[in-house]
């Protein structure tokens, strides 16, 4: 192939996904590589950033190998990634500890301090969002309180996709859409919030320069070229948080368009052209990957993650059947659920396996099945899980609708 192609990478919670596309959007090749998630204590969720990097290298090599694409024909690289997760580097740019992930909820005390001491009005005025356990700033404060020896060695604070771009280019940047989820960005002005940094006691020099998603944030270094097979000097753009990039990919780039996406988490996202958030901060207001635009988003922490938990915990018979039939275990489960009437005959599931963001904003709420009777079968429980995830996402839709936002289209995406 002699035409210019583009490489896209997503540093997700369960693995790295990658694709090569033509400039007209035609997909040339796709692949993915998984990695583990560690839960060393209740409410903790961590990953080793080196696992992200090794998976990225495998994905890039598989993509170019399977497609026959020459490295010189890849004209640029874009990276998206899980938001909020905390990566800490020392002065030698070595990782100080495992990354604390977005779904980690150990920071209840830090969030209460931010919401009560700094106060909701000040948070609304500076960073447009209340403090929640998933955000990056509470994780930094947790390290300050519980791991002071590590805190004293911090030189740079990074987010997952920015760490991968650093390994690719040697340059340290972030973009506005990812930075908006740290609780340290002035979302309206799209710059780091000096009042918030001062109030939280975080050194400004720890934070990377902020780009728009479309700006170039570095070029493939000779070292990364040797490891990945990409061509030295290939540009790597600012990229974005996973939800903002998913919205761009789905064409949610104008008022009235919504994205409903299910991955590990579930989101309902609405594009907005002007910075007009939720006064009650029930949904988040973040910078979009579209320059000078924003979005409102409600988040269900465990959507596809809840279905995966259900499959892993209760789906052993279906897993065996799928292996025997050469089918997918999720297809086995959903086929059984399809025979159950809507509403699961009064059985309900609350998908709060890791607490919940929207609308409850609490790490303390818990999952559960409600309304079980002797009539209910495995199919009822499976359908109740699927319906419970959907009901939870509907809560976000109704909040955004209540803000006067028209719903012209809802576009669907995600891998479950």
Protein backbone atom coordinates (compact mmCIF):
# COMPACT_ATOMS: atom_id res chain seq x y z
CA UNK A 1 0.00 0.00 0.00
CA UNK A 2 1.40 3.41 -0.93
CA UNK A 3 -1.38 5.66 0.36
CA UNK A 4 -1.11 7.40 3.73
CA UNK A 5 -2.80 5.55 6.57
CA UNK A 6 -3.60 6.35 10.20
CA UNK A 7 -2.99 4.27 13.33
CA UNK A 8 -5.44 4.51 16.23
CA UNK A 9 -4.82 3.10 19.71
CA UNK A 10 -7.08 2.92 22.76
CA UNK A 11 -5.53 2.24 26.18
CA UNK A 12 -8.56 0.75 27.91
CA UNK A 13 -9.28 -0.88 31.24
CA UNK A 14 -9.17 -4.44 29.92
CA UNK A 15 -6.63 -4.02 27.14
CA UNK A 16 -5.25 -2.04 24.22
CA UNK A 17 -7.31 -1.92 21.03
CA UNK A 18 -5.79 -0.81 17.76
CA UNK A 19 -6.74 -0.21 14.16
CA UNK A 20 -5.28 1.05 10.92
CA UNK A 21 -7.61 3.09 8.73
CA UNK A 22 -7.48 4.94 5.44
CA UNK A 23 -8.02 8.69 5.55
CA UNK A 24 -11.59 8.14 4.31
CA UNK A 25 -12.33 6.02 7.41
CA UNK A 26 -12.15 2.61 5.74
CA UNK A 27 -10.77 0.06 8.22
CA UNK A 28 -7.68 -1.83 7.05
CA UNK A 29 -6.92 -3.92 10.17
CA UNK A 30 -7.92 -4.24 13.83
CA UNK A 31 -6.63 -6.17 16.82
CA UNK A 32 -6.42 -6.04 20.60
CA UNK A 33 -4.30 -7.28 23.50
CA UNK A 34 -5.58 -7.79 27.06
CA UNK A 35 -3.83 -7.20 30.38
CA UNK A 36 -4.74 -7.84 34.02
CA UNK A 37 -6.40 -5.57 36.57
CA UNK A 38 -5.28 -5.92 40.18
CA UNK A 39 -7.55 -5.48 43.21
CA UNK A 40 -5.09 -5.87 46.13
CA UNK A 41 -7.60 -4.52 48.67
CA UNK A 42 -11.37 -3.89 48.74
CA UNK A 43 -12.30 -0.86 46.59
CA UNK A 44 -8.85 -0.77 44.99
CA UNK A 45 -8.18 -1.14 41.25
CA UNK A 46 -4.63 -0.87 39.87
CA UNK A 47 -2.61 -1.69 36.76
CA UNK A 48 1.05 -1.72 35.83
CA UNK A 49 1.71 0.92 33.12
CA UNK A 50 4.39 -1.39 31.73
CA UNK A 51 1.58 -3.80 30.84
CA UNK A 52 -0.04 -1.01 28.81
CA UNK A 53 3.20 -0.38 26.94
CA UNK A 54 3.92 -4.03 26.21
CA UNK A 55 0.35 -4.55 24.98
CA UNK A 56 0.69 -1.46 22.78
CA UNK A 57 3.84 -2.85 21.18
CA UNK A 58 2.15 -6.19 20.52
CA UNK A 59 -0.88 -4.47 18.99
CA UNK A 60 1.22 -2.31 16.66
CA UNK A 61 3.33 -5.24 15.51
CA UNK A 62 0.24 -7.41 14.93
CA UNK A 63 -1.50 -4.65 12.96
CA UNK A 64 1.36 -3.98 10.61
CA UNK A 65 2.14 -7.68 10.27
CA UNK A 66 -1.40 -8.78 9.45
CA UNK A 67 -2.15 -5.94 7.07
CA UNK A 68 1.15 -5.79 5.24
CA UNK A 69 1.25 -2.04 5.86
CA UNK A 70 4.71 -0.51 5.65
CA UNK A 71 5.66 1.73 8.57
CA UNK A 72 6.46 4.59 6.17
CA UNK A 73 2.82 4.61 5.02
CA UNK A 74 1.43 5.36 8.49
CA UNK A 75 1.04 9.11 8.38
CA UNK A 76 0.03 9.69 12.00
CA UNK A 77 -0.93 8.11 15.31
CA UNK A 78 -3.89 8.98 17.54
CA UNK A 79 -4.33 7.66 21.08
CA UNK A 80 -7.37 7.54 23.34
CA UNK A 81 -7.53 6.04 26.79
CA UNK A 82 -9.28 5.38 30.06
CA UNK A 83 -9.78 8.68 31.85
CA UNK A 84 -8.85 9.76 35.41
CA UNK A 85 -6.37 6.95 36.16
CA UNK A 86 -3.26 8.20 37.96
CA UNK A 87 0.30 7.56 36.73
CA UNK A 88 3.18 8.99 38.80
CA UNK A 89 6.72 9.41 37.49
CA UNK A 90 9.94 10.27 39.36
CA UNK A 91 12.78 12.53 38.14
CA UNK A 92 14.14 9.69 36.05
CA UNK A 93 10.70 9.33 34.42
CA UNK A 94 10.26 5.91 36.02
CA UNK A 95 6.85 4.81 37.30
CA UNK A 96 6.65 5.21 41.09
CA UNK A 97 3.76 2.83 41.83
CA UNK A 98 0.98 0.94 40.03
CA UNK A 99 -1.53 3.22 38.34
CA UNK A 100 -4.64 3.92 40.44
CA UNK A 101 -7.57 3.43 38.07
CA UNK A 102 -10.74 5.38 37.42
CA UNK A 103 -12.84 2.61 38.97
CA UNK A 104 -10.83 2.63 42.22
CA UNK A 105 -12.96 4.03 45.06
CA UNK A 106 -10.53 4.23 47.98
CA UNK A 107 -10.64 8.06 48.06
CA UNK A 108 -13.90 8.70 49.93
CA UNK A 109 -12.16 10.73 52.66
CA UNK A 110 -10.27 12.85 50.12
CA UNK A 111 -13.47 13.57 48.19
CA UNK A 112 -15.29 14.62 51.33
CA UNK A 113 -12.42 17.00 52.17
CA UNK A 114 -12.55 18.54 48.71
CA UNK A 115 -16.34 18.90 48.64
CA UNK A 116 -16.63 20.21 52.20
CA UNK A 117 -13.43 22.23 52.69
CA UNK A 118 -12.95 23.68 49.22
CA UNK A 119 -16.71 23.58 48.78
CA UNK A 120 -19.13 22.81 45.98
CA UNK A 121 -19.52 26.44 44.91
CA UNK A 122 -15.77 26.84 44.46
CA UNK A 123 -15.54 23.53 42.62
CA UNK A 124 -18.36 24.58 40.31
CA UNK A 125 -16.69 27.92 39.60
CA UNK A 126 -13.20 26.54 39.00
CA UNK A 127 -13.40 22.98 37.59
CA UNK A 128 -17.15 22.61 36.88
CA UNK A 129 -17.47 19.26 38.68
CA UNK A 130 -17.79 17.96 42.22
CA UNK A 131 -15.10 15.69 43.64
CA UNK A 132 -15.80 12.01 43.05
CA UNK A 133 -13.70 8.96 43.87
CA UNK A 134 -12.91 8.22 40.23
CA UNK A 135 -11.24 11.57 39.50
CA UNK A 136 -7.48 12.07 39.48
CA UNK A 137 -7.00 14.75 42.15
CA UNK A 138 -8.44 12.68 45.02
CA UNK A 139 -6.01 9.90 44.09
CA UNK A 140 -3.06 12.30 44.34
CA UNK A 141 -4.29 13.42 47.75
CA UNK A 142 -4.63 9.78 48.83
CA UNK A 143 -0.98 9.15 47.91
CA UNK A 144 -0.01 12.26 49.92
CA UNK A 145 -1.82 10.93 52.99
CA UNK A 146 -1.00 7.22 52.76
CA UNK A 147 2.25 6.95 50.78
CA UNK A 148 4.23 10.09 51.72
CA UNK A 149 7.57 8.58 50.66
CA UNK A 150 6.20 8.11 47.13
CA UNK A 151 4.51 11.52 47.17
CA UNK A 152 7.83 13.23 47.93
CA UNK A 153 9.37 11.66 44.82
CA UNK A 154 6.67 12.78 42.35
CA UNK A 155 8.06 14.67 39.38
CA UNK A 156 5.22 14.29 36.85
CA UNK A 157 1.53 13.36 37.01
CA UNK A 158 0.22 11.62 33.91
CA UNK A 159 -2.85 9.90 32.48
CA UNK A 160 -2.76 6.49 30.75
CA UNK A 161 -2.81 7.49 27.10
CA UNK A 162 -0.32 10.28 27.80
CA UNK A 163 2.06 7.77 29.34
CA UNK A 164 1.90 5.67 26.16
CA UNK A 165 2.52 8.76 24.03
CA UNK A 166 5.50 9.58 26.30
CA UNK A 167 6.92 6.09 25.69
CA UNK A 168 6.39 6.58 21.96
CA UNK A 169 7.82 10.08 21.67
CA UNK A 170 9.71 11.04 24.82
CA UNK A 171 7.42 14.08 25.10
CA UNK A 172 5.06 14.81 28.00
CA UNK A 173 1.71 16.40 27.13
CA UNK A 174 -1.97 15.90 27.84
CA UNK A 175 -5.08 17.09 26.03
CA UNK A 176 -8.05 19.11 27.22
CA UNK A 177 -10.60 16.27 27.12
CA UNK A 178 -8.51 14.01 29.38
CA UNK A 179 -7.29 16.84 31.60
CA UNK A 180 -10.92 17.85 32.26
CA UNK A 181 -11.36 14.64 34.25
CA UNK A 182 -8.55 15.36 36.70
CA UNK A 183 -10.50 17.97 38.74
CA UNK A 184 -7.55 20.32 38.14
CA UNK A 185 -8.53 21.88 34.80
CA UNK A 186 -10.49 25.10 34.38
CA UNK A 187 -12.99 23.47 32.03
CA UNK A 188 -14.32 26.77 30.72
CA UNK A 189 -10.87 28.26 29.92
CA UNK A 190 -9.26 24.90 28.98
CA UNK A 191 -6.14 25.57 31.10
CA UNK A 192 -4.92 24.28 34.46
CA UNK A 193 -6.80 25.97 37.30
CA UNK A 194 -4.35 27.93 39.44
CA UNK A 195 -6.95 28.46 42.22
CA UNK A 196 -7.62 24.71 42.40
CA UNK A 197 -3.93 23.80 42.39
CA UNK A 198 -3.33 26.30 45.19
CA UNK A 199 -6.30 25.13 47.26
CA UNK A 200 -5.29 21.46 46.96
CA UNK A 201 -1.58 22.15 47.44
CA UNK A 202 -0.51 20.52 44.16
CA UNK A 203 2.64 21.90 42.44
CA UNK A 204 1.80 23.22 38.96
CA UNK A 205 5.11 21.91 37.59
CA UNK A 206 3.92 18.34 38.11
CA UNK A 207 1.32 18.77 35.38
CA UNK A 208 2.03 18.44 31.64
CA UNK A 209 1.32 21.14 29.06
CA UNK A 210 -2.25 20.96 27.73
CA UNK A 211 -3.02 20.59 24.01
CA UNK A 212 -6.20 20.43 22.00
CA UNK A 213 -6.84 16.86 20.87
CA UNK A 214 -5.99 17.64 17.25
CA UNK A 215 -2.56 19.17 17.95
CA UNK A 216 0.65 17.18 17.46
CA UNK A 217 2.09 16.09 20.82
CA UNK A 218 5.34 14.54 19.65
CA UNK A 219 6.86 12.23 17.05
CA UNK A 220 7.91 8.59 17.20
CA UNK A 221 11.39 8.42 18.72
CA UNK A 222 14.19 6.24 17.42
CA UNK A 223 13.92 4.05 20.53
CA UNK A 224 10.16 3.53 20.11
CA UNK A 225 10.61 2.92 16.39
CA UNK A 226 13.01 0.11 17.21
CA UNK A 227 10.54 -1.50 19.61
CA UNK A 228 7.34 -0.99 17.63
CA UNK A 229 8.41 -1.04 14.00
CA UNK A 230 6.87 2.39 13.38
CA UNK A 231 8.85 4.96 11.42
CA UNK A 232 10.92 7.49 13.33
CA UNK A 233 9.35 10.94 13.15
CA UNK A 234 5.75 9.79 12.64
CA UNK A 235 3.54 12.44 14.32
CA UNK A 236 1.44 11.53 17.37
CA UNK A 237 -1.47 13.87 18.13
CA UNK A 238 -2.85 14.98 21.48
CA UNK A 239 -5.60 12.39 21.32
CA UNK A 240 -8.29 12.33 23.98
CA UNK A 241 -10.19 10.65 26.74
CA UNK A 242 -11.98 7.52 25.60
CA UNK A 243 -15.49 8.96 25.74
CA UNK A 244 -14.64 12.16 23.89
CA UNK A 245 -12.92 10.19 21.14
CA UNK A 246 -15.80 7.72 20.94
CA UNK A 247 -18.16 10.67 20.51
CA UNK A 248 -16.07 12.08 17.66
CA UNK A 249 -15.96 8.66 16.01
CA UNK A 250 -19.74 8.38 16.26
CA UNK A 251 -20.27 11.86 14.84
CA UNK A 252 -21.52 13.33 18.12
CA UNK A 253 -20.06 16.73 17.22
CA UNK A 254 -23.12 19.02 17.15
CA UNK A 255 -25.94 20.01 19.48
CA UNK A 256 -28.79 17.51 19.73
CA UNK A 257 -26.59 14.46 19.18
CA UNK A 258 -26.06 12.01 22.03
CA UNK A 259 -23.78 9.02 22.47
CA UNK A 260 -24.82 5.95 24.47
CA UNK A 261 -21.79 3.72 24.88
CA UNK A 262 -21.18 0.52 26.81
CA UNK A 263 -17.67 -0.67 27.58
CA UNK A 264 -16.57 -1.59 31.08
CA UNK A 265 -18.54 1.48 32.12
CA UNK A 266 -21.62 2.91 30.44
CA UNK A 267 -22.00 6.54 29.42
CA UNK A 268 -24.62 8.87 28.05
CA UNK A 269 -22.91 11.88 26.46
CA UNK A 270 -24.32 15.03 24.88
CA UNK A 271 -22.31 17.44 22.72
CA UNK A 272 -22.63 21.13 23.67
CA UNK A 273 -21.26 24.11 21.74
CA UNK A 274 -21.16 26.40 24.78
CA UNK A 275 -19.88 25.85 28.31
CA UNK A 276 -23.22 25.48 30.08
CA UNK A 277 -23.01 22.65 32.58
CA UNK A 278 -25.36 21.13 35.14
CA UNK A 279 -25.76 23.60 38.04
CA UNK A 280 -26.39 20.65 40.35
CA UNK A 281 -23.28 18.84 39.05
CA UNK A 282 -25.29 15.60 38.79
CA UNK A 283 -23.64 14.93 35.42
CA UNK A 284 -20.09 15.93 34.51
CA UNK A 285 -19.11 18.80 32.23
CA UNK A 286 -15.88 18.12 30.30
CA UNK A 287 -13.96 19.58 27.36
CA UNK A 288 -14.67 17.84 24.07
CA UNK A 289 -12.02 16.63 21.64
CA UNK A 290 -13.72 19.01 19.20
CA UNK A 291 -11.89 22.34 19.64
CA UNK A 292 -13.82 24.98 21.59
CA UNK A 293 -16.65 22.55 22.42
CA UNK A 294 -17.69 20.63 25.53
CA UNK A 295 -19.92 17.74 26.52
CA UNK A 296 -22.22 16.64 29.33
CA UNK A 297 -21.82 13.05 30.49
CA UNK A 298 -23.44 10.68 32.92
CA UNK A 299 -21.48 7.59 33.90
CA UNK A 300 -22.54 4.11 35.05
CA UNK A 301 -19.35 2.68 36.57
CA UNK A 302 -20.16 -0.95 35.84
CA UNK A 303 -22.15 -1.54 32.64
CA UNK A 304 -20.40 -4.05 30.42
CA UNK A 305 -18.28 -4.68 33.51
CA UNK A 306 -21.39 -5.82 35.38
CA UNK A 307 -22.32 -8.23 32.60
CA UNK A 308 -18.77 -9.56 32.54
CA UNK A 309 -18.91 -10.05 36.33
CA UNK A 310 -22.19 -11.92 35.92
CA UNK A 311 -20.70 -14.10 33.19
CA UNK A 312 -17.57 -14.87 35.20
CA UNK A 313 -19.51 -15.59 38.41
CA UNK A 314 -22.62 -17.40 37.16
CA UNK A 315 -21.99 -18.24 33.52
CA UNK A 316 -19.85 -21.38 33.74
CA UNK A 317 -22.47 -23.60 32.03
CA UNK A 318 -22.82 -21.12 29.18
CA UNK A 319 -19.02 -20.85 28.88
CA UNK A 320 -18.78 -24.64 28.50
CA UNK A 321 -21.62 -24.65 25.97
CA UNK A 322 -19.99 -21.86 23.99
CA UNK A 323 -16.70 -23.75 23.79
CA UNK A 324 -18.51 -26.85 22.66
CA UNK A 325 -20.64 -25.05 20.08
CA UNK A 326 -17.94 -22.71 18.84
CA UNK A 327 -20.07 -19.72 19.84
CA UNK A 328 -19.60 -16.70 22.09
CA UNK A 329 -20.53 -17.06 25.77
CA UNK A 330 -22.33 -13.72 25.73
CA UNK A 331 -24.46 -14.92 22.82
CA UNK A 332 -25.37 -18.02 24.83
CA UNK A 333 -26.45 -15.83 27.77
CA UNK A 334 -28.37 -13.26 25.75
CA UNK A 335 -30.18 -15.95 23.73
CA UNK A 336 -31.54 -17.38 26.96
CA UNK A 337 -32.46 -13.90 28.21
CA UNK A 338 -34.31 -13.15 24.95
CA UNK A 339 -36.92 -15.76 25.87
CA UNK A 340 -37.87 -13.79 29.02
CA UNK A 341 -40.46 -11.00 28.71
CA UNK A 342 -39.44 -7.36 29.11
CA UNK A 343 -39.30 -6.41 32.75
CA UNK A 344 -37.99 -9.84 33.77
CA UNK A 345 -41.33 -10.48 35.46
CA UNK A 346 -40.56 -8.16 38.35
CA UNK A 347 -36.88 -9.03 38.88
CA UNK A 348 -34.56 -6.02 39.02
CA UNK A 349 -30.78 -5.63 39.15
CA UNK A 350 -28.87 -2.63 40.48
CA UNK A 351 -25.45 -2.61 38.75
CA UNK A 352 -23.57 -0.81 41.53
CA UNK A 353 -20.70 -3.28 41.89
CA UNK A 354 -18.14 -0.47 42.36
CA UNK A 355 -20.41 2.21 43.84
CA UNK A 356 -21.95 4.61 41.34
CA UNK A 357 -21.35 7.97 39.72
CA UNK A 358 -24.57 9.11 38.06
CA UNK A 359 -26.91 9.92 39.67
CA UNK A 360 -25.99 8.63 43.17
CA UNK A 361 -22.38 9.90 43.31
CA UNK A 362 -21.49 7.46 46.05
CA UNK A 363 -18.89 4.77 46.52
CA UNK A 364 -21.06 3.23 49.23
CA UNK A 365 -24.07 2.12 47.16
CA UNK A 366 -24.06 -1.59 46.34
CA UNK A 367 -25.39 -3.92 43.67
CA UNK A 368 -28.18 -6.38 44.18
CA UNK A 369 -31.05 -8.37 42.73
CA UNK A 370 -34.50 -7.29 43.93
CA UNK A 371 -37.80 -9.08 43.60
CA UNK A 372 -36.66 -12.69 43.13
CA UNK A 373 -39.37 -15.34 43.35
CA UNK A 374 -39.64 -19.07 42.80
CA UNK A 375 -40.72 -18.40 39.22
CA UNK A 376 -37.48 -16.70 38.19
CA UNK A 377 -34.98 -18.70 36.15
CA UNK A 378 -31.40 -18.14 35.02
CA UNK A 379 -32.75 -16.35 31.95
CA UNK A 380 -34.65 -13.92 34.18
CA UNK A 381 -31.50 -13.08 36.11
CA UNK A 382 -29.53 -12.56 32.90
CA UNK A 383 -32.18 -10.29 31.43
CA UNK A 384 -32.45 -8.38 34.71
CA UNK A 385 -28.71 -7.61 34.52
CA UNK A 386 -29.06 -6.27 30.97
CA UNK A 387 -32.14 -4.24 31.87
CA UNK A 388 -30.56 -2.92 35.07
CA UNK A 389 -27.61 -1.54 33.10
CA UNK A 390 -30.03 0.12 30.67
CA UNK A 391 -32.17 1.63 33.43
CA UNK A 392 -29.04 3.05 35.07
CA UNK A 393 -27.98 4.72 31.81
CA UNK A 394 -31.50 6.10 31.38
CA UNK A 395 -31.04 8.03 34.64
CA UNK A 396 -28.27 10.05 32.94
CA UNK A 397 -30.38 10.66 29.84
CA UNK A 398 -33.21 12.09 31.92
CA UNK A 399 -30.89 14.43 33.85
CA UNK A 400 -29.43 15.86 30.63
CA UNK A 401 -32.90 16.15 29.12
CA UNK A 402 -34.04 18.06 32.23
CA UNK A 403 -31.37 20.70 31.48
CA UNK A 404 -33.25 21.60 28.32
CA UNK A 405 -30.96 19.75 25.95
CA UNK A 406 -32.81 18.49 22.83
CA UNK A 407 -32.39 14.82 21.99
CA UNK A 408 -32.37 14.68 18.20
CA UNK A 409 -30.33 11.48 17.85
CA UNK A 410 -28.82 8.85 20.11
CA UNK A 411 -25.88 7.03 18.52
CA UNK A 412 -24.70 3.73 19.97
CA UNK A 413 -21.18 2.41 20.39
CA UNK A 414 -19.13 0.09 22.57
CA UNK A 415 -17.97 -3.45 22.88
CA UNK A 416 -19.73 -4.46 26.09
